[in-house]
Protein backbone atom coordinates (compact mmCIF):
# COMPACT_ATOMS: atom_id res chain seq x y z
CA MET A 1 3.60 21.46 -2.48
CA ASN A 2 3.47 22.36 1.20
CA LEU A 3 2.58 19.75 3.82
CA SER A 4 3.77 21.75 6.81
CA ASN A 5 1.65 21.03 9.89
CA LYS A 6 0.02 18.05 8.15
CA ILE A 7 -0.07 14.83 10.14
CA ILE A 8 0.32 11.80 7.88
CA VAL A 9 -0.23 8.27 9.20
CA ILE A 10 1.20 5.44 7.10
CA THR A 11 0.67 1.74 7.79
CA GLY A 12 3.15 -0.80 6.45
CA ALA A 13 5.66 2.03 6.69
CA GLY A 14 8.67 -0.29 6.96
CA GLY A 15 8.12 -1.75 3.48
CA VAL A 16 9.84 -0.63 0.30
CA ILE A 17 6.88 1.23 -1.19
CA CYS A 18 5.55 2.92 1.93
CA SER A 19 8.96 3.84 3.32
CA GLY A 20 9.59 5.59 0.00
CA ILE A 21 6.26 7.41 0.25
CA ALA A 22 6.98 8.45 3.83
CA THR A 23 10.42 9.77 2.96
CA GLU A 24 9.09 11.72 -0.01
CA LEU A 25 6.16 13.36 1.81
CA ALA A 26 8.35 14.33 4.75
CA LYS A 27 10.40 16.46 2.35
CA TYR A 28 7.43 18.82 2.18
CA GLY A 29 7.27 19.42 5.91
CA ALA A 30 4.84 16.71 7.00
CA LYS A 31 4.90 15.06 10.40
CA VAL A 32 4.81 11.36 9.56
CA ALA A 33 3.63 8.59 11.89
CA LEU A 34 5.17 5.32 10.72
CA LEU A 35 3.06 2.32 11.74
CA ASN A 36 4.56 -1.10 11.19
CA ARG A 37 4.36 -4.63 12.58
CA THR A 38 8.15 -4.73 12.92
CA LEU A 39 9.07 -1.61 14.89
CA GLU A 40 12.75 -1.77 13.97
CA LYS A 41 12.02 -1.38 10.26
CA ALA A 42 9.85 1.66 10.86
CA GLN A 43 12.46 3.12 13.19
CA THR A 44 15.10 2.87 10.47
CA VAL A 45 12.85 4.91 8.17
CA ALA A 46 12.12 7.44 10.93
CA ASP A 47 15.82 7.89 11.64
CA LYS A 48 16.50 8.64 7.98
CA ILE A 49 13.63 11.11 7.71
CA ASN A 50 14.69 12.94 10.86
CA ALA A 51 18.30 13.10 9.71
CA ASP A 52 17.26 14.39 6.28
CA GLY A 53 14.96 16.94 7.90
CA GLU A 54 17.91 18.73 9.41
CA THR A 55 19.14 19.67 5.92
CA LEU A 56 15.81 20.61 4.29
CA ALA A 57 14.01 23.96 4.28
CA ASN A 58 10.74 22.26 5.26
CA LYS A 59 11.81 20.15 8.19
CA GLY A 60 9.54 17.16 8.15
CA CYS A 61 9.85 14.69 11.01
CA ALA A 62 8.80 11.14 11.75
CA LYS A 63 8.19 8.73 14.59
CA ALA A 64 7.83 4.94 14.52
CA TYR A 65 5.02 3.00 16.18
CA HIS A 66 4.47 -0.72 16.56
CA VAL A 67 1.04 -1.78 15.30
CA ASN A 68 -0.79 -4.89 14.16
CA VAL A 69 -3.26 -3.69 11.52
CA VAL A 70 -5.57 -6.68 12.02
CA ASP A 71 -5.91 -5.95 15.76
CA LYS A 72 -8.13 -2.96 16.45
CA ALA A 73 -6.89 -2.57 20.02
CA SER A 74 -3.33 -2.29 18.70
CA ILE A 75 -4.39 0.38 16.20
CA GLU A 76 -6.29 2.31 18.86
CA SER A 77 -3.24 2.25 21.11
CA ALA A 78 -1.08 3.65 18.31
CA HIS A 79 -3.75 6.25 17.57
CA GLU A 80 -3.67 7.51 21.15
CA GLN A 81 0.10 7.84 21.00
CA VAL A 82 0.01 9.65 17.64
CA LEU A 83 -2.51 12.12 19.08
CA LYS A 84 -0.14 12.84 21.98
CA ASP A 85 2.96 13.13 19.80
CA PHE A 86 1.62 14.95 16.73
CA GLY A 87 -2.11 15.61 16.88
CA LYS A 88 -5.05 14.56 14.70
CA CYS A 89 -4.44 12.66 11.47
CA ASP A 90 -4.92 14.68 8.27
CA ILE A 91 -3.89 12.03 5.74
CA LEU A 92 -4.08 8.26 6.20
CA ILE A 93 -2.15 6.01 3.84
CA ASN A 94 -3.16 2.36 4.16
CA GLY A 95 -0.08 0.55 2.91
CA ALA A 96 0.01 -2.62 4.99
CA GLY A 97 -0.54 -5.69 2.83
CA GLY A 98 1.06 -8.68 1.20
CA ASN A 99 0.69 -12.31 0.20
CA ASN A 100 1.25 -15.58 2.06
CA PRO A 101 2.96 -18.67 0.57
CA ALA A 102 0.19 -20.75 2.17
CA ALA A 103 -2.27 -19.03 -0.17
CA THR A 104 -0.19 -19.53 -3.33
CA THR A 105 -0.42 -22.38 -5.84
CA SER A 106 2.72 -23.87 -7.35
CA ASN A 107 1.04 -24.13 -10.77
CA GLU A 108 -0.49 -21.44 -12.96
CA THR A 109 -3.28 -23.72 -14.21
CA PHE A 110 -4.80 -27.01 -13.13
CA VAL A 111 -4.50 -29.84 -15.65
CA PRO A 112 -6.48 -32.98 -14.72
CA GLY A 113 -4.27 -35.99 -14.18
CA GLU A 114 -1.15 -34.01 -13.31
CA THR A 115 0.20 -33.71 -9.77
CA TYR A 116 1.39 -30.48 -8.18
CA GLU A 117 3.28 -29.53 -5.06
CA THR A 118 0.45 -27.14 -4.10
CA ASP A 119 -2.71 -26.95 -6.18
CA PHE A 120 -5.93 -25.01 -5.63
CA PHE A 121 -7.52 -27.87 -3.70
CA SER A 122 -4.68 -28.06 -1.17
CA LEU A 123 -4.60 -24.35 -0.28
CA GLN A 124 -5.08 -23.92 3.44
CA GLU A 125 -7.97 -21.90 4.83
CA GLU A 126 -5.69 -20.24 7.38
CA GLY A 127 -3.36 -18.95 4.67
CA VAL A 128 -6.19 -17.55 2.58
CA ARG A 129 -7.79 -15.91 5.62
CA SER A 130 -4.49 -14.31 6.65
CA VAL A 131 -4.16 -12.66 3.21
CA PHE A 132 -7.69 -11.26 3.35
CA ASP A 133 -7.21 -10.07 6.92
CA LEU A 134 -3.92 -8.31 6.18
CA ASN A 135 -5.05 -6.60 2.98
CA PHE A 136 -8.73 -5.87 3.58
CA LEU A 137 -9.09 -5.72 7.36
CA GLY A 138 -5.67 -4.06 7.43
CA THR A 139 -7.26 -1.24 5.42
CA PHE A 140 -10.70 -1.31 7.04
CA LEU A 141 -9.62 -1.14 10.70
CA PRO A 142 -7.06 1.70 10.48
CA THR A 143 -9.64 3.69 8.50
CA GLN A 144 -12.23 3.11 11.23
CA VAL A 145 -9.83 4.45 13.84
CA PHE A 146 -8.03 7.31 12.10
CA ALA A 147 -10.83 8.67 9.88
CA GLN A 148 -12.58 9.84 13.05
CA ASP A 149 -9.87 12.49 13.32
CA MET A 150 -10.86 13.89 9.92
CA ILE A 151 -14.55 14.55 10.51
CA GLY A 152 -15.34 18.25 10.26
CA ARG A 153 -11.82 19.25 9.19
CA LYS A 154 -10.73 20.54 5.78
CA GLY A 155 -8.05 19.02 3.58
CA CYS A 156 -8.23 15.47 4.92
CA SER A 157 -7.93 12.39 2.74
CA ILE A 158 -7.27 8.66 2.66
CA LEU A 159 -5.02 6.88 0.18
CA ASN A 160 -5.20 3.10 -0.11
CA ILE A 161 -2.65 0.85 -1.79
CA SER A 162 -4.37 -1.53 -4.16
CA SER A 163 -2.69 -3.43 -7.01
CA MET A 164 -3.02 -3.75 -10.76
CA ASN A 165 -3.98 -7.39 -10.18
CA ALA A 166 -7.21 -6.04 -8.71
CA PHE A 167 -8.10 -5.31 -12.36
CA THR A 168 -6.64 -8.49 -13.89
CA PRO A 169 -5.92 -11.39 -11.47
CA LEU A 170 -2.48 -12.94 -11.60
CA THR A 171 -1.94 -16.67 -11.69
CA LYS A 172 -0.84 -18.52 -8.53
CA ILE A 173 -2.06 -15.88 -6.03
CA PRO A 174 -5.87 -16.13 -5.90
CA ALA A 175 -6.28 -14.77 -2.37
CA TYR A 176 -4.03 -11.76 -2.90
CA SER A 177 -5.71 -10.83 -6.20
CA ALA A 178 -9.16 -11.11 -4.66
CA ALA A 179 -8.17 -9.21 -1.52
CA LYS A 180 -6.75 -6.31 -3.52
CA SER A 181 -9.97 -6.24 -5.56
CA ALA A 182 -11.75 -5.81 -2.24
CA VAL A 183 -9.46 -2.89 -1.39
CA SER A 184 -10.31 -1.17 -4.70
CA ASN A 185 -14.03 -1.71 -4.18
CA PHE A 186 -13.79 -0.50 -0.58
CA THR A 187 -11.97 2.63 -1.77
CA GLU A 188 -14.91 3.52 -3.98
CA TRP A 189 -17.39 2.74 -1.20
CA LEU A 190 -15.52 4.96 1.26
CA ALA A 191 -15.32 7.80 -1.27
CA VAL A 192 -19.12 7.87 -1.52
CA HIS A 193 -19.67 7.35 2.20
CA PHE A 194 -17.34 10.16 3.28
CA ALA A 195 -18.11 12.66 0.49
CA PRO A 196 -20.53 14.68 2.68
CA SER A 197 -17.82 14.80 5.35
CA GLY A 198 -15.29 16.32 2.95
CA ILE A 199 -12.91 13.36 3.18
CA ARG A 200 -11.50 12.29 -0.19
CA VAL A 201 -10.63 8.61 -0.64
CA ASN A 202 -8.48 7.31 -3.49
CA ALA A 203 -6.04 4.50 -4.22
CA ILE A 204 -3.01 3.77 -6.31
CA ALA A 205 -2.64 0.39 -8.00
CA PRO A 206 1.08 -0.32 -8.51
CA GLY A 207 2.13 -2.75 -11.19
CA PHE A 208 5.39 -4.63 -10.89
CA PHE A 209 7.97 -3.10 -8.59
CA VAL A 210 10.78 -5.15 -7.06
CA THR A 211 10.29 -5.44 -3.28
CA ASP A 212 11.56 -7.68 -0.51
CA GLN A 213 8.35 -9.72 -0.71
CA ASN A 214 8.47 -10.55 -4.41
CA LYS A 215 12.21 -10.60 -5.12
CA SER A 216 12.46 -14.38 -4.83
CA LEU A 217 9.64 -14.80 -7.37
CA LEU A 218 11.17 -12.40 -9.87
CA PHE A 219 14.82 -13.46 -9.78
CA ASN A 220 16.70 -16.75 -9.48
CA PRO A 221 19.29 -17.19 -6.70
CA ASP A 222 22.04 -16.21 -9.18
CA GLY A 223 20.26 -12.93 -9.96
CA SER A 224 19.02 -13.92 -13.41
CA PRO A 225 15.38 -13.21 -14.35
CA SER A 226 12.92 -15.95 -13.42
CA PRO A 227 10.47 -17.34 -16.00
CA ARG A 228 7.76 -15.27 -14.27
CA THR A 229 9.78 -12.09 -14.80
CA LYS A 230 10.10 -12.83 -18.50
CA LYS A 231 6.31 -13.21 -18.76
CA ILE A 232 5.72 -10.01 -16.77
CA LEU A 233 8.02 -7.91 -18.93
CA ALA A 234 6.58 -9.39 -22.12
CA ALA A 235 3.14 -8.22 -20.95
CA THR A 236 4.35 -4.76 -19.90
CA PRO A 237 4.46 -2.37 -22.87
CA MET A 238 7.24 -0.32 -21.22
CA ASN A 239 9.21 -3.60 -20.88
CA ARG A 240 10.65 -2.95 -17.42
CA PHE A 241 9.84 -2.93 -13.73
CA GLY A 242 8.74 0.31 -12.11
CA LYS A 243 10.95 2.39 -9.86
CA ILE A 244 9.63 3.33 -6.43
CA GLU A 245 10.15 7.03 -7.16
CA GLU A 246 7.77 6.67 -10.11
CA LEU A 247 4.89 6.21 -7.67
CA MET A 248 5.48 9.56 -6.00
CA GLY A 249 3.87 11.86 -8.57
CA ALA A 250 0.54 10.05 -8.24
CA VAL A 251 0.79 9.93 -4.45
CA LYS A 252 1.54 13.65 -4.17
CA LEU A 253 -1.30 14.48 -6.55
CA LEU A 254 -3.91 12.42 -4.74
CA VAL A 255 -3.05 13.64 -1.22
CA SER A 256 -2.93 17.28 -2.33
CA GLU A 257 -6.14 19.17 -1.63
CA GLU A 258 -4.97 22.02 -3.86
CA ASN A 259 -4.38 19.81 -6.90
CA ALA A 260 -6.91 17.01 -6.38
CA GLY A 261 -9.71 18.62 -4.40
CA PHE A 262 -12.36 17.21 -6.77
CA ILE A 263 -10.79 13.76 -7.16
CA THR A 264 -12.28 10.99 -5.05
CA GLY A 265 -13.11 7.33 -5.65
CA VAL A 266 -10.25 6.86 -8.11
CA VAL A 267 -8.04 3.74 -8.31
CA LEU A 268 -5.06 4.81 -10.40
CA PRO A 269 -2.92 2.11 -12.08
CA ILE A 270 0.82 2.82 -12.19
CA ASP A 271 1.96 -0.20 -14.17
CA GLY A 272 3.81 0.69 -17.37
CA GLY A 273 0.73 -0.19 -19.38
CA PHE A 274 0.32 -3.76 -18.04
CA ASN A 275 -3.41 -3.42 -17.39
CA ALA A 276 -4.04 -1.84 -20.80
CA TYR A 277 -2.25 -4.53 -22.80
CA SER A 278 -4.32 -7.42 -24.16
CA GLY A 279 -1.30 -9.45 -25.21
CA VAL A 280 -2.06 -8.91 -28.90
């Protein structure tokens, strides 16, 4: 795989999944623009990529940019800077996303007569809206800005980050499950819309990977598995969490024009069989 002279823009680049993707793709000579709400996190990733590039045959490089993916003006400002530093975007990876505790119920189900710390009826509109904005608008707006670079150019593509709970919603996180479903649907819509322009659009749907955002839900303060972890692993045929490096084969396939030139509109689960398992 050769990504020399390819400009890859990644949002949410300071997170565990997207920093791993950025680091991997840079190994193949790509110039990677790391967009993140917290600049320091993206800068840490950029520093590692640039240091690693000095020892690799294909010397990929990276630069960090501060961006708010729900603010179009912020994205446009980053776009202008990326154009000056690297040139037009060839591959856009929409990785910004996440949940909000204000959009999360404390109970898995609602039983009449019982009381809960946070039930469905007490979820706050602001929390739900913030989850939809971050996940859906945070995919929609960067695509509006950076896909303009791809029109009329060969080998360009977009990769969105959905979730396996877009297929089967998880308990407690209604807004996040619904927002990721919107990302999957939008991926298919974009694939059709941009097909005459030669822009492929696909998504990966990771299952359960341990990240900074979900660590407190998966493990108790003493490091032991939480009850939710036990349920997750019982419903995962491979009986373990995924490793970040296990996402990379799918990512490299889907962004590769040589290997996936006829693949568009696909949402690929990478979940150890979670989505395929009925529980019986």
